[in-house]
Amino acid sequence: MPDNTKGLDNGLTNYGDRDFARYLRRSFAKSMGYTDKALDRPIVGICYTESGFNNCHRHFPDMLEAVKRGVLAEGGLPVPFPVISLGEVFLSPTSMVYRNLMAMTVEEMIRAQPMDSVVLMGGCDKTVPALLMGAASADKPAVLLVGGPMMTGRHRGERLGACTDCRRFWGNFRAGTVGQEEISQVEGRLAVTSGTCAVMGTASTMALIGETLGMMLPGTAAIPAVHADRLRASEETGTLATRMAVSGGPTPRQLITRESVENAIRVLLAVSGSTNAIIHLAAIAGRVGIDIDLRAFNALSDDTPVLVDLKPVGTGYMEDFHAAGGLDGVLHGISGSLRGDCRDVTGQSMSERLARPLADPIDRAVIRAPEDPVNPVGGLIALHGSLAPQGAILKRAAATPALMEHEGRAVVFSSLEELALRIDDPDLDVTADDILVLQNAGPRSASGMPEAGYLPIPRKLARAGVKDMVRISDARMSGTAFGTIVLHVTPEADAGGPLALVRNGDRIRLSASRKSIDLLVSPEELAERQAVTATTGPSPRRGYAKLYRENVLPATLGCDFDFLRDEESPGISESPESL
C-alpha cells in the first residue's frame, strides 16, 4: 500500500513503531530550529544542483532564495537537498556517463525523503534530463526550474557566445588565421556571465523541451540567467510547487505522455536543437514507457519547418530568442501541428496556452513565420543503412549543403587516442573529399560517448581552407557545434556494429534525401572482417563504471540503464498516423 501521508509524516523510517518514528523525526527536525507550526506545513523539496564544479549554476544561491520566498508566501515549508551536479566540461570521461547516476540519486532522494512536491533546479546540459528522468520515475508532483542562458560577450566589435563561437575561433586557430594572443583573449570573453551556453545548444534545447512537456512554468525556459525575471520565475515556481503539494498533482507521468513527447519533438525540430536532445528525450520518455521510433521522427521532421534563426545554424543568441518571443513564438508558428490536449504544471492545456494573447509581438528576424522559415524542413533527421542498421543522427540544418549527398573514401581512427595521434600528422593520407570515421566512442566505450563527433579538420586541410568534411562516429556532438556530422551510429563499434568493420579506403555513401548511410563493402567481405575483429573492450572491475558498462542501452533508447526503463506503456509507432 502506498503511503499517502503528507508533510513530515510522509515515508516515516520504519523502526516497527510508527509513533516513535514520527516523534524521532520531529525531534531531529526541531534541532534545526523549526517550530511546530512550520513542521505542520506541506513540504516542498528543492532538488539543488549548485556546485563549485558547475559554472553554469553559480547564480543558483540567489535563485534558491527566490524559490524559498515563493514557497513560504504560499504557506509551504521549503527544504533544499543536494544531488550530484554535472558541470559539462569538468567531468571525465564525460558528463554523459554520470547522467544516469544523477538520475538515480534524484529518483531515490525524491522517493525516500518526506516531501509533498519538488522543485527541480538544473540547467547545464545533463542536469535537466537527469532531473526529469529521476522525477518521472519517482512520480511525485514536480516542477522544473532552469538556470537560463548566459549573456553574450564582446570581442573586437563582435558578439561572442559559448560555445559555437569558441569552436569557430578554435578552428581558425588550428588553421593559422588566429594567433596565440587573440585566442587567449577570446578564452576570457566567451562565457562572461552565469548561465548555460548562449546559443541553441543542449542546455537551451532541453529547457525548451522541458517546458513543452509541461514540466515548467510557461514562458520561463529562455529567460537569461542574469535577468530579474529569472528570479521572479524562481519565486513563482516555489509558489506553484506549494499549490501542487496541497493538491497532489500533477505528477510527471500525467504530463509526459505520447502526445506531449510528440509536441517536444516538434519543438526540437523547429528550433533546430541539439542532437543530444534526441538521446535525452528518448531516456525521459523511456522512464514512462514511451519509445521514439526514428522513422516516425523523420516523418515529423519532414513536416516541421525550422523557424529559429539562432547559432549554431543561424546568427542570433538565446538572449535574442527570449526577447523575440521565446517558446511561445515557436509554438504559435507550429500550432497547427501540436497536440492541443496536453497539459502543463499549471493545469492549462496547450490549446488554452495558444489561445492566450501574446504579451509582445514576435520578432520575425529571430523567430520566422511558418511561411518564411529558415528551412522548410526540420533541423535533424535519422539515417539508416548498412553502416547504421538501427539508426544514426544528422543535424542537416548545420550541414554543408554540398556534402548532404556525398560518397567518399573512409579515413578511419579506431579510438580517440589514435585520433589525437594522427589527425594532424602532415603525412596523413586524407583529402577534403574523404570521410573521417571515428570508432569506439559510443556509450559502452571507455570514452563514455564524448562530444567527439565533431572531429577536427586535419590541420593541413584546415590551413588549405577546408571548413567542413563528412564525419561519422558512434560518439555525440555538442549542441553548439556545426558541420556535416553523422552521430550516434547504432549498433556502436564496441557492441559489434558495422562501424567496427570500416577500414581505411572503404567507400561510404551519405544521402540526406534518402536518409541513408551505407558502407559500400560486400556482405561477404564484412563477414570475413567480423570473424577476426575484436568488437568489445574490457569491462571495468568494480563500482559505477562496471554498472554503467554492463547496463547502458544504445543511443536509440536514450543511453539509459536497462533496469530503469518502464516497459509497460505503448511507444511511439513508426507510422506517423498513430503518433
Protein backbone atom coordinates (compact mmCIF):
# COMPACT_ATOMS: atom_id res chain seq x y z
CA MET A 1 0.00 0.00 0.00
CA PRO A 2 1.41 3.45 -0.90
CA ASP A 3 1.93 5.91 1.96
CA ASN A 4 -0.36 8.86 1.24
CA THR A 5 0.60 10.73 4.41
CA LYS A 6 1.50 14.38 3.84
CA GLY A 7 4.27 16.61 5.16
CA LEU A 8 6.89 15.47 7.61
CA ASP A 9 4.97 12.24 8.32
CA ASN A 10 5.42 11.12 4.71
CA GLY A 11 7.54 7.97 4.38
CA LEU A 12 8.46 7.53 8.02
CA THR A 13 11.57 5.48 8.74
CA ASN A 14 10.48 2.01 9.80
CA TYR A 15 11.52 1.10 13.34
CA GLY A 16 8.49 -1.12 13.88
CA ASP A 17 6.82 1.70 15.83
CA ARG A 18 5.23 4.42 13.67
CA ASP A 19 4.57 6.81 16.56
CA PHE A 20 8.18 6.55 17.71
CA ALA A 21 9.39 7.19 14.15
CA ARG A 22 7.25 10.34 13.97
CA TYR A 23 8.44 11.51 17.38
CA LEU A 24 12.08 10.92 16.47
CA ARG A 25 11.81 12.65 13.09
CA ARG A 26 10.17 15.74 14.58
CA SER A 27 12.78 15.80 17.33
CA PHE A 28 15.64 15.90 14.86
CA ALA A 29 13.81 18.41 12.68
CA LYS A 30 13.44 20.69 15.71
CA SER A 31 17.22 20.54 16.15
CA MET A 32 17.32 22.74 13.03
CA GLY A 33 15.15 25.36 14.75
CA TYR A 34 11.78 24.59 13.18
CA THR A 35 8.61 25.32 15.15
CA ASP A 36 5.59 23.03 15.31
CA LYS A 37 3.73 25.42 13.01
CA ALA A 38 6.47 25.19 10.38
CA LEU A 39 6.66 21.40 10.64
CA ASP A 40 2.92 21.10 10.08
CA ARG A 41 3.12 22.79 6.68
CA PRO A 42 3.23 20.95 3.35
CA ILE A 43 6.86 20.29 2.44
CA VAL A 44 8.34 21.41 -0.86
CA GLY A 45 11.66 19.73 -1.58
CA ILE A 46 14.11 21.73 -3.66
CA CYS A 47 16.44 19.44 -5.61
CA TYR A 48 19.55 21.61 -5.68
CA THR A 49 22.46 21.28 -8.12
CA GLU A 50 24.77 24.17 -7.29
CA SER A 51 28.44 23.15 -7.32
CA GLY A 52 31.88 24.70 -7.46
CA PHE A 53 32.48 22.44 -10.46
CA ASN A 54 29.48 23.83 -12.39
CA ASN A 55 29.99 27.35 -13.69
CA CYS A 56 26.54 27.37 -15.31
CA HIS A 57 24.89 27.16 -11.87
CA ARG A 58 26.88 29.77 -9.96
CA HIS A 59 23.80 32.01 -9.63
CA PHE A 60 21.73 29.24 -8.03
CA PRO A 61 22.06 30.60 -4.45
CA ASP A 62 20.03 33.68 -5.49
CA MET A 63 17.51 31.51 -7.33
CA LEU A 64 17.19 29.23 -4.31
CA GLU A 65 16.29 32.15 -2.05
CA ALA A 66 13.65 33.25 -4.55
CA VAL A 67 12.15 29.73 -4.65
CA LYS A 68 12.02 29.70 -0.86
CA ARG A 69 10.20 33.06 -0.87
CA GLY A 70 7.55 31.65 -3.15
CA VAL A 71 7.09 28.50 -1.03
CA LEU A 72 6.85 30.44 2.23
CA ALA A 73 4.46 33.03 0.79
CA GLU A 74 2.09 30.24 -0.22
CA GLY A 75 2.24 28.53 3.18
CA GLY A 76 4.69 25.73 2.47
CA LEU A 77 7.95 24.69 4.06
CA PRO A 78 10.92 24.79 1.62
CA VAL A 79 13.56 22.11 2.22
CA PRO A 80 16.54 22.17 -0.16
CA PHE A 81 18.53 19.00 -0.66
CA PRO A 82 21.66 18.48 -2.78
CA VAL A 83 22.17 15.93 -5.51
CA ILE A 84 25.02 15.33 -7.93
CA SER A 85 25.72 18.30 -10.17
CA LEU A 86 27.12 17.71 -13.66
CA GLY A 87 29.33 20.52 -14.94
CA GLU A 88 29.73 19.72 -18.61
CA VAL A 89 33.42 20.45 -19.08
CA PHE A 90 34.62 19.48 -15.60
CA LEU A 91 33.91 15.74 -15.78
CA SER A 92 35.98 12.85 -17.05
CA PRO A 93 35.44 10.84 -19.13
CA THR A 94 32.18 12.69 -19.90
CA SER A 95 29.13 14.14 -18.17
CA MET A 96 27.03 11.69 -20.19
CA VAL A 97 28.45 8.78 -18.20
CA TYR A 98 27.18 10.33 -14.96
CA ARG A 99 23.75 11.45 -16.18
CA ASN A 100 22.21 8.13 -15.16
CA LEU A 101 23.93 8.25 -11.77
CA MET A 102 22.46 11.70 -11.17
CA ALA A 103 19.04 10.48 -12.32
CA MET A 104 19.22 7.62 -9.84
CA THR A 105 20.09 9.96 -6.96
CA VAL A 106 17.26 12.32 -7.95
CA GLU A 107 14.75 9.47 -8.07
CA GLU A 108 15.79 7.92 -4.78
CA MET A 109 16.06 11.17 -2.83
CA ILE A 110 12.63 12.32 -4.02
CA ARG A 111 11.17 8.95 -3.13
CA ALA A 112 12.98 8.46 0.19
CA GLN A 113 12.62 11.89 1.78
CA PRO A 114 9.41 13.47 3.14
CA MET A 115 8.25 15.96 0.53
CA ASP A 116 4.84 16.61 -0.98
CA SER A 117 6.22 18.19 -4.15
CA VAL A 118 9.63 19.05 -5.52
CA VAL A 119 11.28 21.86 -7.45
CA LEU A 120 13.92 20.52 -9.85
CA MET A 121 16.73 23.08 -10.25
CA GLY A 122 19.04 22.45 -13.19
CA GLY A 123 20.45 23.92 -16.35
CA CYS A 124 23.80 22.58 -17.53
CA ASP A 125 23.39 20.00 -20.28
CA LYS A 126 22.91 16.68 -18.48
CA THR A 127 21.32 18.05 -15.30
CA VAL A 128 17.93 18.77 -16.87
CA PRO A 129 17.43 15.30 -18.42
CA ALA A 130 18.72 13.65 -15.24
CA LEU A 131 16.24 15.65 -13.15
CA LEU A 132 13.34 14.81 -15.46
CA MET A 133 14.29 11.12 -15.67
CA GLY A 134 14.51 10.77 -11.90
CA ALA A 135 11.35 12.76 -11.25
CA ALA A 136 9.40 10.75 -13.82
CA SER A 137 10.34 7.51 -12.08
CA ALA A 138 9.63 8.85 -8.57
CA ASP A 139 6.36 10.41 -9.84
CA LYS A 140 5.73 12.90 -7.07
CA PRO A 141 4.37 16.32 -8.07
CA ALA A 142 7.36 18.11 -9.62
CA VAL A 143 8.13 21.35 -11.43
CA LEU A 144 11.33 22.13 -13.34
CA LEU A 145 13.24 25.39 -12.92
CA VAL A 146 16.23 26.04 -15.19
CA GLY A 147 19.09 28.46 -14.71
CA GLY A 148 18.70 30.13 -18.10
CA PRO A 149 21.28 31.06 -20.76
CA MET A 150 24.23 33.38 -20.22
CA MET A 151 24.55 36.73 -21.96
CA THR A 152 26.98 37.30 -24.82
CA GLY A 153 30.47 38.76 -24.54
CA ARG A 154 32.25 41.14 -26.89
CA HIS A 155 35.47 40.77 -28.87
CA ARG A 156 36.82 43.37 -31.29
CA GLY A 157 33.35 44.64 -32.15
CA GLU A 158 31.81 41.15 -32.40
CA ARG A 159 29.36 39.43 -30.06
CA LEU A 160 30.60 36.13 -28.67
CA GLY A 161 28.70 33.29 -27.05
CA ALA A 162 29.76 29.91 -25.75
CA CYS A 163 30.26 27.63 -27.33
CA THR A 164 29.60 27.92 -31.08
CA ASP A 165 31.97 30.87 -31.28
CA CYS A 166 34.60 29.03 -29.23
CA ARG A 167 34.60 26.25 -31.84
CA ARG A 168 34.80 28.75 -34.68
CA PHE A 169 37.76 30.55 -33.16
CA TRP A 170 39.49 27.30 -32.29
CA GLY A 171 39.05 26.12 -35.88
CA ASN A 172 40.58 29.40 -37.06
CA PHE A 173 43.42 28.98 -34.57
CA ARG A 174 44.14 25.49 -35.91
CA ALA A 175 44.03 26.88 -39.44
CA GLY A 176 46.57 29.56 -38.53
CA THR A 177 44.30 32.57 -39.16
CA VAL A 178 44.03 33.40 -35.43
CA GLY A 179 47.17 33.75 -33.34
CA GLN A 180 48.02 32.74 -29.77
CA GLU A 181 47.46 36.22 -28.34
CA GLU A 182 43.97 36.52 -29.82
CA ILE A 183 42.87 33.00 -28.86
CA SER A 184 43.91 33.82 -25.28
CA GLN A 185 41.79 36.97 -25.43
CA VAL A 186 38.81 35.02 -26.76
CA GLU A 187 39.18 32.48 -23.97
CA GLY A 188 38.21 35.16 -21.43
CA ARG A 189 35.36 36.62 -23.50
CA LEU A 190 33.28 33.57 -24.44
CA ALA A 191 31.50 32.93 -21.14
CA VAL A 192 31.09 36.21 -19.29
CA THR A 193 28.08 35.63 -17.02
CA SER A 194 26.50 32.78 -15.15
CA GLY A 195 24.11 30.55 -17.05
CA THR A 196 24.20 27.95 -19.78
CA CYS A 197 25.59 28.34 -23.30
CA ALA A 198 24.34 31.41 -25.13
CA VAL A 199 23.28 29.52 -28.26
CA MET A 200 20.71 26.81 -29.06
CA GLY A 201 22.91 24.11 -27.59
CA THR A 202 21.84 21.15 -25.48
CA ALA A 203 21.05 23.12 -22.34
CA SER A 204 18.67 25.57 -24.03
CA THR A 205 17.17 22.82 -26.18
CA MET A 206 16.43 20.70 -23.10
CA ALA A 207 14.94 23.70 -21.30
CA LEU A 208 12.52 24.23 -24.20
CA ILE A 209 11.73 20.52 -24.26
CA GLY A 210 11.08 20.53 -20.51
CA GLU A 211 8.65 23.42 -20.89
CA THR A 212 6.94 21.81 -23.89
CA LEU A 213 6.49 18.56 -21.95
CA GLY A 214 4.54 20.62 -19.42
CA MET A 215 7.09 20.34 -16.61
CA MET A 216 7.87 24.05 -16.28
CA LEU A 217 6.06 27.34 -15.76
CA PRO A 218 5.08 28.61 -19.22
CA GLY A 219 7.39 31.26 -20.62
CA THR A 220 10.35 30.57 -18.33
CA ALA A 221 12.67 28.31 -20.34
CA ALA A 222 14.65 31.02 -22.13
CA ILE A 223 14.86 33.84 -19.57
CA PRO A 224 18.54 34.83 -19.34
CA ALA A 225 20.32 33.75 -16.17
CA VAL A 226 21.13 37.28 -15.01
CA HIS A 227 17.72 38.79 -15.83
CA ALA A 228 15.50 39.84 -12.91
CA ASP A 229 12.71 37.80 -14.49
CA ARG A 230 14.77 34.67 -13.76
CA LEU A 231 14.39 35.39 -10.02
CA ARG A 232 10.71 36.22 -10.40
CA ALA A 233 10.23 32.93 -12.24
CA SER A 234 12.01 31.18 -9.37
CA GLU A 235 9.66 32.71 -6.81
CA GLU A 236 6.60 31.85 -8.89
CA THR A 237 7.89 28.29 -9.27
CA GLY A 238 8.09 27.99 -5.48
CA THR A 239 4.53 29.26 -5.19
CA LEU A 240 3.29 26.78 -7.79
CA ALA A 241 5.16 23.89 -6.16
CA THR A 242 3.37 24.62 -2.88
CA ARG A 243 -0.01 24.53 -4.57
CA MET A 244 0.98 21.24 -6.20
CA ALA A 245 1.98 19.89 -2.78
CA VAL A 246 -1.50 20.65 -1.44
CA SER A 247 -3.43 19.39 -4.47
CA GLY A 248 -1.27 16.33 -5.05
CA GLY A 249 -0.52 16.99 -8.69
CA PRO A 250 0.02 16.95 -11.47
CA THR A 251 2.78 14.36 -11.45
CA PRO A 252 5.34 13.81 -14.25
CA ARG A 253 3.56 10.71 -15.53
CA GLN A 254 0.40 12.75 -16.02
CA LEU A 255 2.31 15.31 -18.10
CA ILE A 256 4.88 13.25 -20.04
CA THR A 257 2.66 11.43 -22.50
CA ARG A 258 2.92 10.24 -26.10
CA GLU A 259 1.23 13.47 -27.16
CA SER A 260 3.48 15.80 -25.15
CA VAL A 261 6.56 13.90 -26.36
CA GLU A 262 5.40 14.44 -29.93
CA ASN A 263 5.00 18.17 -29.19
CA ALA A 264 8.52 18.20 -27.72
CA ILE A 265 9.89 16.59 -30.89
CA ARG A 266 8.14 19.23 -32.99
CA VAL A 267 9.77 21.99 -30.93
CA LEU A 268 13.18 20.30 -31.14
CA LEU A 269 12.87 20.27 -34.93
CA ALA A 270 11.51 23.81 -35.21
CA VAL A 271 14.35 25.31 -33.18
CA SER A 272 16.92 23.04 -34.89
CA GLY A 273 18.04 21.97 -31.46
CA SER A 274 20.85 19.79 -30.23
CA THR A 275 21.34 16.24 -31.45
CA ASN A 276 21.89 15.33 -27.79
CA ALA A 277 18.25 16.14 -27.14
CA ILE A 278 17.17 13.05 -29.09
CA ILE A 279 19.09 10.84 -26.66
CA HIS A 280 17.80 12.70 -23.60
CA LEU A 281 14.18 12.83 -24.76
CA ALA A 282 14.31 9.10 -25.52
CA ALA A 283 15.59 8.47 -21.99
CA ILE A 284 12.92 10.67 -20.36
CA ALA A 285 10.16 9.09 -22.45
CA GLY A 286 11.53 5.63 -21.69
CA ARG A 287 11.00 6.25 -17.98
CA VAL A 288 7.26 6.33 -18.62
CA GLY A 289 7.25 3.51 -21.17
CA ILE A 290 7.35 5.50 -24.40
CA ASP A 291 9.69 4.57 -27.26
CA ILE A 292 10.62 7.02 -30.01
CA ASP A 293 10.83 5.38 -33.40
CA LEU A 294 13.36 7.15 -35.59
CA ARG A 295 11.32 6.70 -38.77
CA ALA A 296 8.39 8.38 -37.06
CA PHE A 297 10.86 11.09 -36.04
CA ASN A 298 11.76 11.58 -39.71
CA ALA A 299 8.11 11.91 -40.67
CA LEU A 300 7.75 14.73 -38.15
CA SER A 301 10.99 16.34 -39.35
CA ASP A 302 9.84 16.45 -42.96
CA ASP A 303 6.65 18.17 -41.78
CA THR A 304 8.13 20.72 -39.35
CA PRO A 305 9.97 23.84 -40.55
CA VAL A 306 12.95 25.41 -38.80
CA LEU A 307 11.72 28.76 -37.55
CA VAL A 308 14.51 29.98 -35.29
CA ASP A 309 17.47 31.91 -36.70
CA LEU A 310 19.98 31.19 -33.95
CA LYS A 311 23.52 29.90 -33.67
CA PRO A 312 24.83 27.30 -34.36
CA VAL A 313 22.66 27.22 -37.53
CA GLY A 314 21.77 30.91 -37.69
CA THR A 315 23.04 34.26 -36.45
CA GLY A 316 21.30 35.08 -33.14
CA TYR A 317 21.78 34.13 -29.49
CA MET A 318 19.45 32.95 -26.74
CA GLU A 319 19.01 36.44 -25.29
CA ASP A 320 17.66 37.46 -28.73
CA PHE A 321 15.37 34.43 -28.75
CA HIS A 322 13.91 35.33 -25.36
CA ALA A 323 13.29 38.95 -26.40
CA ALA A 324 11.81 37.80 -29.73
CA GLY A 325 9.04 35.75 -28.13
CA GLY A 326 10.75 32.63 -26.80
CA LEU A 327 8.97 29.31 -26.84
CA ASP A 328 5.56 30.94 -27.30
CA GLY A 329 6.76 32.37 -30.60
CA VAL A 330 7.76 28.90 -31.78
CA LEU A 331 4.56 27.25 -30.56
CA HIS A 332 2.43 29.76 -32.44
CA GLY A 333 4.45 29.09 -35.58
CA ILE A 334 3.77 25.33 -35.48
CA SER A 335 0.40 25.50 -33.71
CA GLY A 336 -1.40 23.58 -36.45
CA SER A 337 0.77 20.52 -35.78
CA LEU A 338 0.65 20.49 -31.98
CA ARG A 339 -1.42 18.18 -29.79
CA GLY A 340 -3.70 20.64 -28.03
CA ASP A 341 -4.97 18.48 -25.19
CA CYS A 342 -1.58 18.14 -23.42
CA ARG A 343 -1.49 19.88 -20.03
CA ASP A 344 1.27 21.56 -18.05
CA VAL A 345 2.09 22.03 -14.37
CA THR A 346 -0.37 24.92 -14.12
CA GLY A 347 -3.23 22.77 -15.40
CA GLN A 348 -3.70 24.61 -18.69
CA SER A 349 -3.81 22.72 -21.98
CA MET A 350 -1.66 23.50 -24.99
CA SER A 351 -4.78 24.75 -26.79
CA GLU A 352 -5.54 27.12 -23.91
CA ARG A 353 -1.98 28.37 -23.94
CA LEU A 354 -2.08 29.05 -27.67
CA ALA A 355 -5.38 30.89 -27.29
CA ARG A 356 -3.89 33.43 -24.89
CA PRO A 357 -2.76 36.70 -26.47
CA LEU A 358 1.00 37.23 -26.59
CA ALA A 359 2.44 39.88 -24.30
CA ASP A 360 4.61 41.25 -27.10
CA PRO A 361 4.74 40.82 -30.88
CA ILE A 362 7.04 38.12 -32.20
CA ASP A 363 10.31 39.42 -33.67
CA ARG A 364 10.31 37.78 -37.09
CA ALA A 365 14.01 38.45 -37.58
CA VAL A 366 14.68 35.79 -34.94
CA ILE A 367 11.57 33.58 -34.94
CA ARG A 368 10.39 33.33 -38.52
CA ALA A 369 6.80 32.96 -39.67
CA PRO A 370 5.94 29.47 -40.96
CA GLU A 371 5.51 30.84 -44.48
CA ASP A 372 9.05 32.27 -44.34
CA PRO A 373 11.07 29.63 -42.49
CA VAL A 374 14.81 29.36 -42.04
CA ASN A 375 14.37 25.91 -43.58
CA PRO A 376 11.12 24.29 -44.76
CA VAL A 377 12.00 21.00 -43.02
CA GLY A 378 13.18 20.11 -39.53
CA GLY A 379 16.75 20.57 -38.43
CA LEU A 380 17.50 16.93 -37.59
CA ILE A 381 16.98 13.58 -39.29
CA ALA A 382 17.71 9.94 -38.57
CA LEU A 383 19.71 7.86 -41.05
CA HIS A 384 19.53 4.11 -41.61
CA GLY A 385 21.57 1.81 -43.81
CA SER A 386 24.25 -0.84 -43.82
CA LEU A 387 26.55 1.30 -41.65
CA ALA A 388 23.81 2.11 -39.11
CA PRO A 389 21.13 -0.62 -39.18
CA GLN A 390 19.49 0.72 -36.02
CA GLY A 391 19.95 4.37 -36.87
CA ALA A 392 22.21 7.41 -36.74
CA ILE A 393 21.56 11.15 -36.46
CA LEU A 394 22.44 14.05 -38.78
CA LYS A 395 21.78 17.70 -37.96
CA ARG A 396 21.01 18.64 -41.53
CA ALA A 397 20.39 22.29 -40.66
CA ALA A 398 24.03 22.58 -39.56
CA ALA A 399 25.46 20.63 -42.51
CA THR A 400 27.11 21.94 -45.65
CA PRO A 401 24.55 21.55 -48.47
CA ALA A 402 27.15 20.30 -50.94
CA LEU A 403 28.03 17.42 -48.59
CA MET A 404 24.47 16.24 -47.92
CA GLU A 405 24.73 13.85 -50.85
CA HIS A 406 28.25 12.54 -50.76
CA GLU A 407 30.30 9.43 -51.40
CA GLY A 408 33.86 9.28 -50.21
CA ARG A 409 36.79 7.25 -49.04
CA ALA A 410 36.96 6.38 -45.32
CA VAL A 411 39.84 7.63 -43.20
CA VAL A 412 39.47 5.60 -40.02
CA PHE A 413 40.50 6.30 -36.43
CA SER A 414 39.98 3.33 -34.13
CA SER A 415 39.88 5.39 -30.92
CA LEU A 416 40.13 8.90 -29.53
CA GLU A 417 43.75 8.22 -28.73
CA GLU A 418 44.52 7.34 -32.34
CA LEU A 419 42.58 10.39 -33.50
CA ALA A 420 44.71 12.66 -31.33
CA LEU A 421 47.89 10.94 -32.51
CA ARG A 422 47.22 11.01 -36.27
CA ILE A 423 44.78 13.80 -37.18
CA ASP A 424 47.47 16.48 -37.56
CA ASP A 425 50.17 14.25 -38.98
CA PRO A 426 51.35 16.01 -42.15
CA ASP A 427 51.73 12.58 -43.76
CA LEU A 428 48.09 11.59 -43.08
CA ASP A 429 46.58 10.24 -46.31
CA VAL A 430 43.48 12.44 -46.48
CA THR A 431 41.74 14.81 -48.89
CA ALA A 432 38.77 17.13 -48.49
CA ASP A 433 36.52 14.62 -50.28
CA ASP A 434 37.29 11.84 -47.81
CA ILE A 435 35.06 10.85 -44.89
CA LEU A 436 36.54 10.87 -41.39
CA VAL A 437 35.39 7.88 -39.31
CA LEU A 438 35.84 7.52 -35.53
CA GLN A 439 35.24 4.12 -33.91
CA ASN A 440 34.83 3.03 -30.30
CA ALA A 441 33.45 6.27 -28.90
CA GLY A 442 29.89 5.10 -28.19
CA PRO A 443 28.05 4.69 -24.89
CA ARG A 444 29.69 1.36 -23.98
CA SER A 445 33.20 2.52 -24.80
CA ALA A 446 35.82 3.52 -22.26
CA SER A 447 35.48 7.10 -23.50
CA GLY A 448 31.80 7.21 -22.48
CA MET A 449 30.27 8.66 -25.66
CA PRO A 450 32.01 12.04 -25.57
CA GLU A 451 31.14 15.05 -27.69
CA ALA A 452 33.93 13.98 -30.03
CA GLY A 453 31.84 13.51 -33.16
CA TYR A 454 32.97 16.98 -34.18
CA LEU A 455 36.27 15.54 -35.43
CA PRO A 456 38.74 18.33 -36.13
CA ILE A 457 39.54 19.04 -39.75
CA PRO A 458 43.10 17.72 -40.32
CA ARG A 459 45.44 20.64 -39.80
CA LYS A 460 46.92 20.50 -43.29
CA LEU A 461 43.41 20.70 -44.82
CA ALA A 462 42.28 23.43 -42.41
CA ARG A 463 45.26 25.53 -43.39
CA ALA A 464 44.33 24.96 -47.03
CA GLY A 465 40.91 26.50 -46.32
CA VAL A 466 38.76 23.37 -45.81
CA LYS A 467 35.90 24.25 -43.44
CA ASP A 468 33.84 21.05 -43.38
CA MET A 469 34.05 17.34 -44.16
CA VAL A 470 31.66 14.44 -43.64
CA ARG A 471 32.46 12.95 -40.25
CA ILE A 472 30.94 9.74 -38.86
CA SER A 473 31.10 8.19 -35.40
CA ASP A 474 29.21 6.47 -32.60
CA ALA A 475 30.01 9.50 -30.42
CA ARG A 476 27.97 12.62 -29.72
CA MET A 477 28.39 16.24 -30.79
CA SER A 478 27.98 19.37 -28.73
CA GLY A 479 24.70 21.11 -29.39
CA THR A 480 26.74 24.22 -30.08
CA ALA A 481 28.66 22.61 -32.96
CA PHE A 482 28.05 22.63 -36.70
CA GLY A 483 29.11 20.68 -39.76
CA THR A 484 28.16 17.60 -41.79
CA ILE A 485 28.44 15.18 -38.92
CA VAL A 486 26.79 11.76 -38.57
CA LEU A 487 26.43 10.73 -34.93
CA HIS A 488 25.10 8.02 -32.60
CA VAL A 489 25.78 5.25 -35.13
CA THR A 490 23.92 2.22 -33.75
CA PRO A 491 24.89 -0.51 -33.05
CA GLU A 492 28.10 1.10 -31.85
CA ALA A 493 31.52 -0.30 -32.65
CA ASP A 494 32.05 -1.68 -29.14
CA ALA A 495 28.82 -3.69 -29.45
CA GLY A 496 29.91 -5.25 -32.74
CA GLY A 497 28.14 -2.87 -35.11
CA PRO A 498 29.24 -2.45 -38.74
CA LEU A 499 31.09 0.73 -37.73
CA ALA A 500 33.74 -1.54 -36.16
CA LEU A 501 34.35 -3.15 -39.56
CA VAL A 502 35.16 0.01 -41.54
CA ARG A 503 38.69 0.09 -42.89
CA ASN A 504 40.80 2.83 -44.48
CA GLY A 505 39.88 3.19 -48.14
CA ASP A 506 36.33 1.79 -47.86
CA ARG A 507 33.68 3.76 -49.70
CA ILE A 508 30.82 5.26 -47.70
CA ARG A 509 27.72 6.93 -49.11
CA LEU A 510 25.68 9.57 -47.26
CA SER A 511 22.30 10.60 -48.67
CA ALA A 512 20.30 13.07 -46.63
CA SER A 513 17.47 12.97 -49.17
CA ARG A 514 17.18 9.19 -48.78
CA LYS A 515 18.02 9.39 -45.07
CA SER A 516 20.64 6.71 -45.56
CA ILE A 517 24.21 5.98 -44.59
CA ASP A 518 25.82 2.95 -46.24
CA LEU A 519 29.14 1.16 -46.11
CA LEU A 520 29.83 0.09 -49.70
CA VAL A 521 31.52 -3.19 -48.85
CA SER A 522 30.14 -6.61 -49.80
CA PRO A 523 28.41 -8.70 -47.11
CA GLU A 524 30.97 -11.45 -47.73
CA GLU A 525 33.88 -9.15 -47.02
CA LEU A 526 32.18 -7.81 -43.89
CA ALA A 527 31.59 -11.35 -42.65
CA GLU A 528 35.29 -12.12 -43.06
CA ARG A 529 36.22 -8.98 -41.14
CA GLN A 530 33.70 -9.78 -38.42
CA ALA A 531 35.37 -13.12 -37.79
CA VAL A 532 38.71 -11.53 -36.98
CA THR A 533 37.61 -8.23 -35.35
CA ALA A 534 37.59 -7.83 -31.58
CA THR A 535 34.48 -5.73 -31.10
CA THR A 536 34.23 -5.40 -27.35
CA GLY A 537 36.53 -3.64 -24.93
CA PRO A 538 37.45 -4.76 -21.41
CA SER A 539 34.83 -4.45 -18.69
CA PRO A 540 35.66 -2.36 -15.59
CA ARG A 541 36.19 -4.47 -12.48
CA ARG A 542 34.14 -2.52 -9.95
CA GLY A 543 31.95 0.42 -8.99
CA TYR A 544 29.76 2.65 -11.06
CA ALA A 545 31.92 2.13 -14.16
CA LYS A 546 31.09 -1.58 -14.06
CA LEU A 547 27.38 -0.89 -13.52
CA TYR A 548 27.39 1.57 -16.42
CA ARG A 549 29.23 -0.69 -18.84
CA GLU A 550 27.03 -3.71 -18.17
CA ASN A 551 23.66 -1.95 -18.26
CA VAL A 552 23.81 1.10 -20.57
CA LEU A 553 21.42 0.96 -23.50
CA PRO A 554 22.17 2.18 -27.04
CA ALA A 555 21.63 5.75 -28.15
CA THR A 556 18.31 4.87 -29.78
CA LEU A 557 16.97 4.04 -26.31
CA GLY A 558 18.44 7.10 -24.68
CA CYS A 559 21.59 5.53 -23.16
CA ASP A 560 19.58 4.89 -20.00
CA PHE A 561 20.15 1.78 -17.89
CA ASP A 562 18.11 -1.20 -18.96
CA PHE A 563 16.71 -1.74 -15.44
CA LEU A 564 15.42 1.85 -15.11
CA ARG A 565 13.08 1.96 -18.09
CA ASP A 566 9.35 1.46 -17.75
CA GLU A 567 8.31 -1.23 -20.23
CA GLU A 568 4.56 -1.17 -19.58
CA SER A 569 3.21 1.59 -21.83
CA PRO A 570 3.00 1.59 -25.65
CA GLY A 571 5.62 3.52 -27.55
CA ILE A 572 5.59 5.96 -30.42
CA SER A 573 4.95 3.94 -33.56
CA GLU A 574 6.79 4.03 -36.84
CA SER A 575 3.55 5.00 -38.52
CA PRO A 576 3.00 8.79 -38.39
CA GLU A 577 -0.76 8.25 -38.33
CA SER A 578 -0.54 6.63 -34.93
CA LEU A 579 1.63 9.29 -33.30
